[in-house]
């Protein structure tokens, strides 16, 4: 039992280290994108993202600019990893114990509901703008953990677990939102191919096939069919993750899911998400005026992320604790809970992704740039969250290690 707990702690520590480093790399990639979009490099930046890329097999063809290959293709890998993490957490992780899911679950609901309401308040009556209502509902766990890493060892594990668990619920909400509200015209034939792939995945799972390469091969076919179906292709990654075996029949100590998850963490943290940030964060500030900054869309997003997330997460957590539905985790006080709630307003990656789904096919981008609101709201949330946590987690408040003395 002790050995199992030690292994779980080691796995969690490795996971948190990778996500933190990935968050810092995300910041660097976003800064490079901003510099590229606002210097003489802007022409080359645009040419790179608009580069046509096509794959053709017989009469079947997928032709998209590089930007959409990144958003539809690379992000499917990200969602695949999210799906693997969700399955592991539900089966044997933090979410397998009901006592551990109430507080972050309640916080996630508040953190999605209040920002959406704030955005809707700013943009009520504008049909085009209302397509972006879900943009401020997301939390970027990589960025948030990157900010936490700046505080070093003073951050208790309970805060990291709470933030990670809340982000998992946030991801579930984002997956449901994308599936229900961000689909194009539906192709029945393509959906039939998707359905056949799901049946095939179910069969090989029931036959206890452990070769992850076979699952991935079927997943690629399902992704291509999903892309043609009108349902967003990234959802194929989540569906595929559901069927990856948790345990090996021949070797109970080996987990195909955990092995694949471990292999993908570095790829996603150090390649997929930074590339996505570089491709989507390049906002041109040339000619930017008050009209663009104060447009209801970026304004609603910024306020939704910065104010809405704090109010939603902290407010509903406070209410649940007052109603005795749950309690504050060990080593978390009200100040540190508020600081963590503020960090939840960092919505960078998923907010950019939902923003691209909401507005990429309209002419609305000529009227406003939703990315401006995402960056402002995320930046303010990160700064406030960091400062509050730094003040509430001062070294003198940490428990004294066994065998040490304190005057």
Protein backbone atom coordinates (compact mmCIF):
# COMPACT_ATOMS: atom_id res chain seq x y z
CA UNK A 1 0.00 0.00 0.00
CA UNK A 2 2.81 2.40 0.95
CA UNK A 3 4.67 1.48 -2.24
CA UNK A 4 1.56 2.18 -4.31
CA UNK A 5 1.12 5.60 -2.68
CA UNK A 6 4.78 6.38 -3.28
CA UNK A 7 4.41 5.49 -6.96
CA UNK A 8 1.31 7.67 -7.26
CA UNK A 9 3.11 10.59 -5.58
CA UNK A 10 6.10 10.16 -7.91
CA UNK A 11 3.78 10.09 -10.94
CA UNK A 12 1.94 13.23 -9.76
CA UNK A 13 5.20 15.05 -9.04
CA UNK A 14 6.55 14.22 -12.51
CA UNK A 15 3.27 15.33 -14.09
CA UNK A 16 3.26 18.65 -12.24
CA UNK A 17 6.89 19.35 -13.12
CA UNK A 18 6.23 18.78 -16.80
CA UNK A 19 3.11 20.94 -16.85
CA UNK A 20 4.86 23.75 -15.01
CA UNK A 21 7.78 23.77 -17.44
CA UNK A 22 5.30 23.61 -20.30
CA UNK A 23 3.47 26.63 -18.92
CA UNK A 24 6.66 28.68 -18.94
CA UNK A 25 7.35 27.54 -22.51
CA UNK A 26 3.82 28.62 -23.45
CA UNK A 27 4.58 32.14 -22.21
CA UNK A 28 7.74 32.26 -24.31
CA UNK A 29 5.90 31.00 -27.42
CA UNK A 30 3.13 33.59 -26.95
CA UNK A 31 5.69 36.40 -26.58
CA UNK A 32 7.50 35.30 -29.74
CA UNK A 33 4.17 35.30 -31.58
CA UNK A 34 3.38 38.83 -30.37
CA UNK A 35 6.83 40.05 -31.41
CA UNK A 36 6.52 38.37 -34.81
CA UNK A 37 3.10 39.95 -35.44
CA UNK A 38 4.28 43.46 -34.56
CA UNK A 39 7.65 43.71 -36.29
CA UNK A 40 8.82 43.40 -39.89
CA UNK A 41 8.55 39.65 -39.31
CA UNK A 42 4.73 39.92 -39.47
CA UNK A 43 4.65 39.23 -43.22
CA UNK A 44 6.58 36.00 -42.79
CA UNK A 45 4.50 35.06 -39.74
CA UNK A 46 1.28 35.38 -41.77
CA UNK A 47 2.76 33.53 -44.76
CA UNK A 48 3.81 30.67 -42.49
CA UNK A 49 0.37 30.25 -40.94
CA UNK A 50 -1.39 30.59 -44.32
CA UNK A 51 0.83 27.98 -45.99
CA UNK A 52 -1.48 25.46 -47.69
CA UNK A 53 -0.97 21.86 -46.60
CA UNK A 54 -2.83 18.99 -48.30
CA UNK A 55 -3.02 15.23 -47.92
CA UNK A 56 -4.70 13.27 -50.70
CA UNK A 57 -5.42 9.56 -51.06
CA UNK A 58 -7.38 8.87 -54.24
CA UNK A 59 -10.46 11.07 -54.19
CA UNK A 60 -10.13 11.70 -50.43
CA UNK A 61 -8.41 14.97 -49.69
CA UNK A 62 -7.79 17.16 -46.65
CA UNK A 63 -6.53 20.60 -47.69
CA UNK A 64 -6.14 23.32 -45.07
CA UNK A 65 -3.78 26.19 -44.23
CA UNK A 66 -1.11 25.35 -41.67
CA UNK A 67 -2.98 27.24 -38.93
CA UNK A 68 -6.00 24.92 -39.19
CA UNK A 69 -3.78 21.83 -39.27
CA UNK A 70 -2.39 23.02 -35.95
CA UNK A 71 -5.83 23.80 -34.48
CA UNK A 72 -7.58 20.68 -35.81
CA UNK A 73 -4.68 18.23 -35.92
CA UNK A 74 -2.16 18.97 -33.18
CA UNK A 75 -4.91 19.92 -30.77
CA UNK A 76 -6.50 16.50 -31.30
CA UNK A 77 -3.33 15.10 -29.67
CA UNK A 78 -3.84 17.50 -26.77
CA UNK A 79 -7.46 16.36 -26.34
CA UNK A 80 -6.31 12.74 -26.54
CA UNK A 81 -3.99 13.38 -23.59
CA UNK A 82 -6.81 15.16 -21.73
CA UNK A 83 -9.00 12.10 -22.30
CA UNK A 84 -6.31 9.77 -20.97
CA UNK A 85 -5.89 11.92 -17.85
CA UNK A 86 -9.64 12.01 -17.28
CA UNK A 87 -9.95 8.22 -17.52
CA UNK A 88 -7.02 7.64 -15.14
CA UNK A 89 -8.27 10.19 -12.60
CA UNK A 90 -11.80 8.73 -12.65
CA UNK A 91 -10.66 5.12 -12.32
CA UNK A 92 -7.95 5.45 -9.69
CA UNK A 93 -6.91 9.08 -9.24
CA UNK A 94 -8.20 12.03 -7.28
CA UNK A 95 -11.63 11.84 -8.93
CA UNK A 96 -12.16 8.22 -7.86
CA UNK A 97 -12.89 9.40 -4.30
CA UNK A 98 -16.14 11.35 -4.05
CA UNK A 99 -14.78 13.36 -1.12
CA UNK A 100 -12.11 14.83 -3.37
CA UNK A 101 -14.37 15.89 -6.21
CA UNK A 102 -17.05 18.01 -4.52
CA UNK A 103 -15.02 21.19 -3.92
CA UNK A 104 -13.20 21.36 -7.30
CA UNK A 105 -16.38 20.20 -9.05
CA UNK A 106 -18.44 22.98 -7.49
CA UNK A 107 -15.67 25.48 -8.20
CA UNK A 108 -15.52 24.42 -11.85
CA UNK A 109 -19.28 24.90 -12.26
CA UNK A 110 -19.04 28.42 -10.84
CA UNK A 111 -15.95 29.10 -12.90
CA UNK A 112 -17.82 28.28 -16.10
CA UNK A 113 -21.24 29.74 -15.28
CA UNK A 114 -20.31 33.22 -13.97
CA UNK A 115 -17.85 34.12 -16.79
CA UNK A 116 -20.40 33.01 -19.39
CA UNK A 117 -23.05 35.21 -17.77
CA UNK A 118 -20.69 38.20 -17.64
CA UNK A 119 -19.77 37.79 -21.31
CA UNK A 120 -23.45 37.46 -22.22
CA UNK A 121 -24.22 40.66 -20.30
CA UNK A 122 -21.68 42.60 -22.38
CA UNK A 123 -22.78 41.10 -25.70
CA UNK A 124 -26.53 40.54 -25.33
CA UNK A 125 -28.39 41.31 -28.55
CA UNK A 126 -25.39 40.73 -30.85
CA UNK A 127 -25.93 37.33 -32.52
CA UNK A 128 -22.41 37.13 -33.93
CA UNK A 129 -20.71 38.17 -30.68
CA UNK A 130 -22.78 35.71 -28.65
CA UNK A 131 -21.06 32.84 -30.47
CA UNK A 132 -18.11 33.50 -28.18
CA UNK A 133 -19.99 33.06 -24.88
CA UNK A 134 -17.90 30.00 -23.93
CA UNK A 135 -14.48 31.63 -24.45
CA UNK A 136 -14.01 32.89 -20.85
CA UNK A 137 -15.22 29.62 -19.29
CA UNK A 138 -11.90 27.79 -19.76
CA UNK A 139 -8.89 27.34 -17.46
CA UNK A 140 -5.40 26.70 -18.84
CA UNK A 141 -3.85 24.22 -16.40
CA UNK A 142 -0.39 24.42 -18.02
CA UNK A 143 -0.20 28.19 -17.61
CA UNK A 144 -1.69 28.10 -14.10
CA UNK A 145 0.80 25.49 -12.91
CA UNK A 146 3.56 27.48 -14.59
CA UNK A 147 2.65 30.45 -12.40
CA UNK A 148 2.48 28.20 -9.32
CA UNK A 149 5.98 26.91 -10.09
CA UNK A 150 7.31 30.46 -9.63
CA UNK A 151 6.40 30.17 -5.93
CA UNK A 152 8.58 27.09 -5.51
CA UNK A 153 8.24 24.70 -2.60
CA UNK A 154 6.03 27.02 -0.55
CA UNK A 155 2.99 25.79 -2.56
CA UNK A 156 1.39 22.81 -0.75
CA UNK A 157 0.45 19.76 -2.79
CA UNK A 158 -3.20 20.24 -1.80
CA UNK A 159 -3.38 23.46 -3.84
CA UNK A 160 -1.86 21.77 -6.88
CA UNK A 161 -4.27 18.84 -6.58
CA UNK A 162 -7.25 21.19 -6.15
CA UNK A 163 -6.24 23.29 -9.17
CA UNK A 164 -5.54 20.22 -11.31
CA UNK A 165 -8.85 18.57 -10.33
CA UNK A 166 -10.78 21.78 -11.04
CA UNK A 167 -9.09 22.07 -14.44
CA UNK A 168 -10.10 18.47 -15.22
CA UNK A 169 -13.76 19.33 -14.59
CA UNK A 170 -13.19 22.46 -16.66
CA UNK A 171 -11.91 20.30 -19.52
CA UNK A 172 -14.98 18.06 -19.28
CA UNK A 173 -17.15 21.15 -19.56
CA UNK A 174 -15.16 22.43 -22.54
CA UNK A 175 -15.47 19.06 -24.31
CA UNK A 176 -19.25 19.06 -23.81
CA UNK A 177 -19.52 22.69 -24.99
CA UNK A 178 -17.49 22.02 -28.15
CA UNK A 179 -19.52 18.89 -28.94
CA UNK A 180 -22.88 20.62 -28.47
CA UNK A 181 -22.34 24.17 -29.69
CA UNK A 182 -19.40 24.29 -32.09
CA UNK A 183 -20.25 21.92 -34.93
CA UNK A 184 -20.66 22.72 -38.60
CA UNK A 185 -22.96 21.11 -41.16
CA UNK A 186 -23.24 17.42 -40.41
CA UNK A 187 -22.20 14.74 -42.93
CA UNK A 188 -24.10 11.51 -42.25
CA UNK A 189 -21.69 9.36 -44.27
CA UNK A 190 -18.66 10.66 -42.38
CA UNK A 191 -20.46 10.14 -39.06
CA UNK A 192 -21.16 6.53 -40.06
CA UNK A 193 -17.42 6.02 -40.55
CA UNK A 194 -16.86 7.54 -37.08
CA UNK A 195 -19.46 5.17 -35.62
CA UNK A 196 -17.77 2.16 -37.29
CA UNK A 197 -14.42 3.23 -35.81
CA UNK A 198 -15.99 3.45 -32.34
CA UNK A 199 -17.46 -0.05 -32.71
CA UNK A 200 -14.07 -1.37 -33.83
CA UNK A 201 -12.37 0.29 -30.86
CA UNK A 202 -14.93 -1.24 -28.52
CA UNK A 203 -14.34 -4.72 -30.00
CA UNK A 204 -10.56 -4.66 -29.66
CA UNK A 205 -10.93 -3.23 -26.16
CA UNK A 206 -13.24 -6.11 -25.18
CA UNK A 207 -10.77 -8.54 -26.73
CA UNK A 208 -8.19 -6.96 -24.40
CA UNK A 209 -5.86 -5.98 -27.22
CA UNK A 210 -3.02 -4.04 -25.62
CA UNK A 211 -1.20 -2.71 -28.70
CA UNK A 212 -1.69 1.05 -28.41
CA UNK A 213 -0.47 1.50 -32.00
CA UNK A 214 -3.58 -0.32 -33.27
CA UNK A 215 -5.84 1.97 -31.24
CA UNK A 216 -4.00 5.04 -32.54
CA UNK A 217 -4.27 3.83 -36.16
CA UNK A 218 -8.04 3.49 -35.84
CA UNK A 219 -8.08 6.85 -34.05
CA UNK A 220 -6.39 8.56 -37.00
CA UNK A 221 -9.06 7.21 -39.35
CA UNK A 222 -11.74 8.37 -36.91
CA UNK A 223 -10.12 11.83 -36.72
CA UNK A 224 -10.17 12.19 -40.52
CA UNK A 225 -13.83 11.10 -40.65
CA UNK A 226 -14.69 13.44 -37.78
CA UNK A 227 -13.00 16.29 -39.66
CA UNK A 228 -15.25 15.64 -42.66
CA UNK A 229 -18.37 15.07 -40.54
CA UNK A 230 -18.81 18.62 -39.25
CA UNK A 231 -18.32 17.58 -35.61
CA UNK A 232 -15.06 19.10 -34.43
CA UNK A 233 -12.20 16.72 -35.12
CA UNK A 234 -10.45 17.22 -31.77
CA UNK A 235 -13.25 15.26 -30.08
CA UNK A 236 -11.87 12.14 -31.76
CA UNK A 237 -8.94 12.32 -29.34
CA UNK A 238 -11.25 12.19 -26.31
CA UNK A 239 -13.27 9.30 -27.74
CA UNK A 240 -10.12 7.34 -28.55
CA UNK A 241 -8.80 7.78 -24.99
CA UNK A 242 -11.91 6.09 -23.55
CA UNK A 243 -10.93 2.77 -25.14
CA UNK A 244 -7.23 2.64 -24.22
CA UNK A 245 -6.85 -0.23 -21.68
CA UNK A 246 -6.06 0.80 -18.13
CA UNK A 247 -4.48 -2.52 -17.18
CA UNK A 248 -2.55 -5.24 -18.97
CA UNK A 249 -4.05 -8.73 -18.80
CA UNK A 250 -0.64 -10.42 -18.85
CA UNK A 251 1.20 -7.96 -16.60
CA UNK A 252 -1.02 -6.31 -13.95
CA UNK A 253 1.81 -3.93 -13.05
CA UNK A 254 1.82 -2.46 -16.56
CA UNK A 255 -0.74 0.10 -17.71
CA UNK A 256 -1.00 0.80 -21.47
CA UNK A 257 -2.91 4.00 -20.64
CA UNK A 258 -0.35 5.34 -18.17
CA UNK A 259 2.51 4.43 -20.46
CA UNK A 260 0.93 6.26 -23.38
CA UNK A 261 0.03 9.20 -21.14
CA UNK A 262 3.61 9.47 -19.90
CA UNK A 263 4.96 9.36 -23.47
CA UNK A 264 2.57 12.07 -24.64
CA UNK A 265 3.09 14.50 -21.76
CA UNK A 266 6.42 15.81 -23.02
CA UNK A 267 5.18 15.96 -26.62
CA UNK A 268 2.12 17.98 -25.65
CA UNK A 269 3.81 20.19 -23.04
CA UNK A 270 6.91 20.99 -25.06
CA UNK A 271 5.68 20.84 -28.68
CA UNK A 272 1.90 20.79 -29.21
CA UNK A 273 0.83 23.59 -26.84
CA UNK A 274 3.77 25.95 -27.55
CA UNK A 275 3.20 25.55 -31.31
CA UNK A 276 -0.51 26.24 -30.79
CA UNK A 277 0.31 29.33 -28.71
CA UNK A 278 2.75 30.59 -31.34
CA UNK A 279 0.17 30.12 -34.10
CA UNK A 280 -2.75 31.74 -32.26
CA UNK A 281 -1.32 34.46 -30.01
CA UNK A 282 0.10 36.69 -32.76
CA UNK A 283 -2.09 39.77 -32.29
CA UNK A 284 -1.18 42.78 -34.39
CA UNK A 285 -1.29 45.92 -32.26
CA UNK A 286 -0.84 48.22 -35.26
CA UNK A 287 -3.58 50.83 -35.31
CA UNK A 288 -5.10 49.42 -32.14
CA UNK A 289 -7.35 52.00 -30.48
CA UNK A 290 -9.89 52.34 -27.74
CA UNK A 291 -12.66 51.15 -30.07
CA UNK A 292 -11.01 47.74 -30.48
CA UNK A 293 -9.94 47.40 -26.84
CA UNK A 294 -13.35 48.38 -25.46
CA UNK A 295 -15.36 46.36 -27.94
CA UNK A 296 -17.90 44.22 -26.02
CA UNK A 297 -16.31 40.94 -27.18
CA UNK A 298 -12.71 41.36 -25.89
CA UNK A 299 -14.03 43.42 -22.96
CA UNK A 300 -16.53 40.72 -22.02
CA UNK A 301 -13.84 38.02 -22.32
CA UNK A 302 -11.31 39.95 -20.20
CA UNK A 303 -13.83 40.75 -17.45
CA UNK A 304 -15.26 37.23 -17.62
CA UNK A 305 -11.83 35.64 -17.13
CA UNK A 306 -10.48 38.09 -14.56
CA UNK A 307 -13.59 38.86 -12.49
CA UNK A 308 -15.96 36.04 -13.45
CA UNK A 309 -13.56 33.21 -12.68
CA UNK A 310 -12.69 34.63 -9.27
CA UNK A 311 -16.32 35.18 -8.32
CA UNK A 312 -17.50 31.87 -9.73
CA UNK A 313 -14.81 29.57 -8.33
CA UNK A 314 -14.33 31.23 -4.94
CA UNK A 315 -18.01 32.11 -4.46
CA UNK A 316 -19.42 28.66 -5.09
CA UNK A 317 -16.63 26.98 -3.10
CA UNK A 318 -17.37 29.32 -0.16
CA UNK A 319 -21.08 28.55 -0.43
CA UNK A 320 -20.52 24.78 -0.57
CA UNK A 321 -18.29 24.95 2.52
CA UNK A 322 -20.79 27.12 4.42
CA UNK A 323 -23.54 24.61 3.58
CA UNK A 324 -21.25 21.86 4.93
CA UNK A 325 -21.30 20.00 1.63
CA UNK A 326 -17.50 19.86 1.75
CA UNK A 327 -14.56 21.44 3.56
CA UNK A 328 -11.32 23.25 2.84
CA UNK A 329 -8.52 20.82 1.95
CA UNK A 330 -5.53 20.46 4.26
CA UNK A 331 -3.01 23.34 4.02
CA UNK A 332 -5.46 25.62 2.14
CA UNK A 333 -6.86 28.75 3.82
CA UNK A 334 -9.34 31.28 2.47
CA UNK A 335 -6.63 33.58 1.10
CA UNK A 336 -4.86 30.81 -0.77
CA UNK A 337 -8.21 29.53 -2.08
CA UNK A 338 -8.93 33.01 -3.45
CA UNK A 339 -5.47 33.17 -5.03
CA UNK A 340 -6.05 29.79 -6.65
CA UNK A 341 -9.46 30.96 -7.89
CA UNK A 342 -7.76 33.98 -9.47
CA UNK A 343 -5.29 31.69 -11.28
CA UNK A 344 -8.28 29.88 -12.81
CA UNK A 345 -8.82 33.04 -14.86
CA UNK A 346 -5.81 32.08 -16.97
CA UNK A 347 -7.75 30.66 -19.90
CA UNK A 348 -5.12 30.98 -22.59
CA UNK A 349 -4.93 27.72 -24.58
CA UNK A 350 -8.53 26.50 -24.38
CA UNK A 351 -9.94 30.04 -24.66
CA UNK A 352 -7.94 30.65 -27.83
CA UNK A 353 -9.15 27.33 -29.18
CA UNK A 354 -12.82 28.01 -28.47
CA UNK A 355 -12.37 31.53 -29.87
CA UNK A 356 -11.09 30.10 -33.14
CA UNK A 357 -14.15 27.83 -33.33
CA UNK A 358 -16.53 30.68 -32.58
CA UNK A 359 -15.24 33.28 -35.02
CA UNK A 360 -12.90 31.71 -37.59
CA UNK A 361 -15.66 31.34 -40.21
CA UNK A 362 -17.19 34.81 -39.81
CA UNK A 363 -16.12 38.31 -40.78
CA UNK A 364 -16.28 39.33 -37.13
CA UNK A 365 -12.48 39.23 -36.80
CA UNK A 366 -12.31 42.44 -38.85
CA UNK A 367 -14.42 44.18 -36.19
CA UNK A 368 -12.63 42.90 -33.08
CA UNK A 369 -9.92 40.50 -31.94
CA UNK A 370 -11.11 38.16 -29.21
CA UNK A 371 -7.49 37.17 -28.52
CA UNK A 372 -6.88 40.60 -27.03
CA UNK A 373 -9.46 39.96 -24.30
CA UNK A 374 -8.03 36.48 -23.66
CA UNK A 375 -4.49 37.78 -23.19
CA UNK A 376 -5.54 40.74 -21.00
CA UNK A 377 -7.83 38.62 -18.80
CA UNK A 378 -5.29 35.80 -18.49
CA UNK A 379 -2.42 38.21 -17.73
CA UNK A 380 -4.33 40.04 -14.99
CA UNK A 381 -5.49 36.73 -13.49
CA UNK A 382 -1.95 35.37 -13.42
CA UNK A 383 -0.53 38.49 -11.78
CA UNK A 384 -3.24 38.75 -9.11
CA UNK A 385 -3.22 35.02 -8.41
CA UNK A 386 0.56 35.02 -8.03
CA UNK A 387 0.60 38.04 -5.69
CA UNK A 388 -2.23 36.73 -3.50
CA UNK A 389 -0.68 33.27 -3.20
CA UNK A 390 2.75 34.75 -2.52
CA UNK A 391 1.29 36.75 0.36
CA UNK A 392 -0.84 33.92 1.74
CA UNK A 393 1.83 31.21 1.42
CA UNK A 394 4.71 33.00 3.11
CA UNK A 395 7.41 30.60 4.41
CA UNK A 396 6.52 31.29 8.04
CA UNK A 397 3.04 29.85 7.46
CA UNK A 398 4.37 26.52 6.25
CA UNK A 399 4.46 23.56 8.66
CA UNK A 400 7.85 22.99 10.28
CA UNK A 401 9.58 19.85 9.06
CA UNK A 402 10.13 17.07 11.54
CA UNK A 403 13.38 17.44 13.41
CA UNK A 404 13.73 21.16 12.68
CA UNK A 405 13.53 24.00 15.16
CA UNK A 406 11.86 27.36 14.93
CA UNK A 407 12.41 30.35 17.15
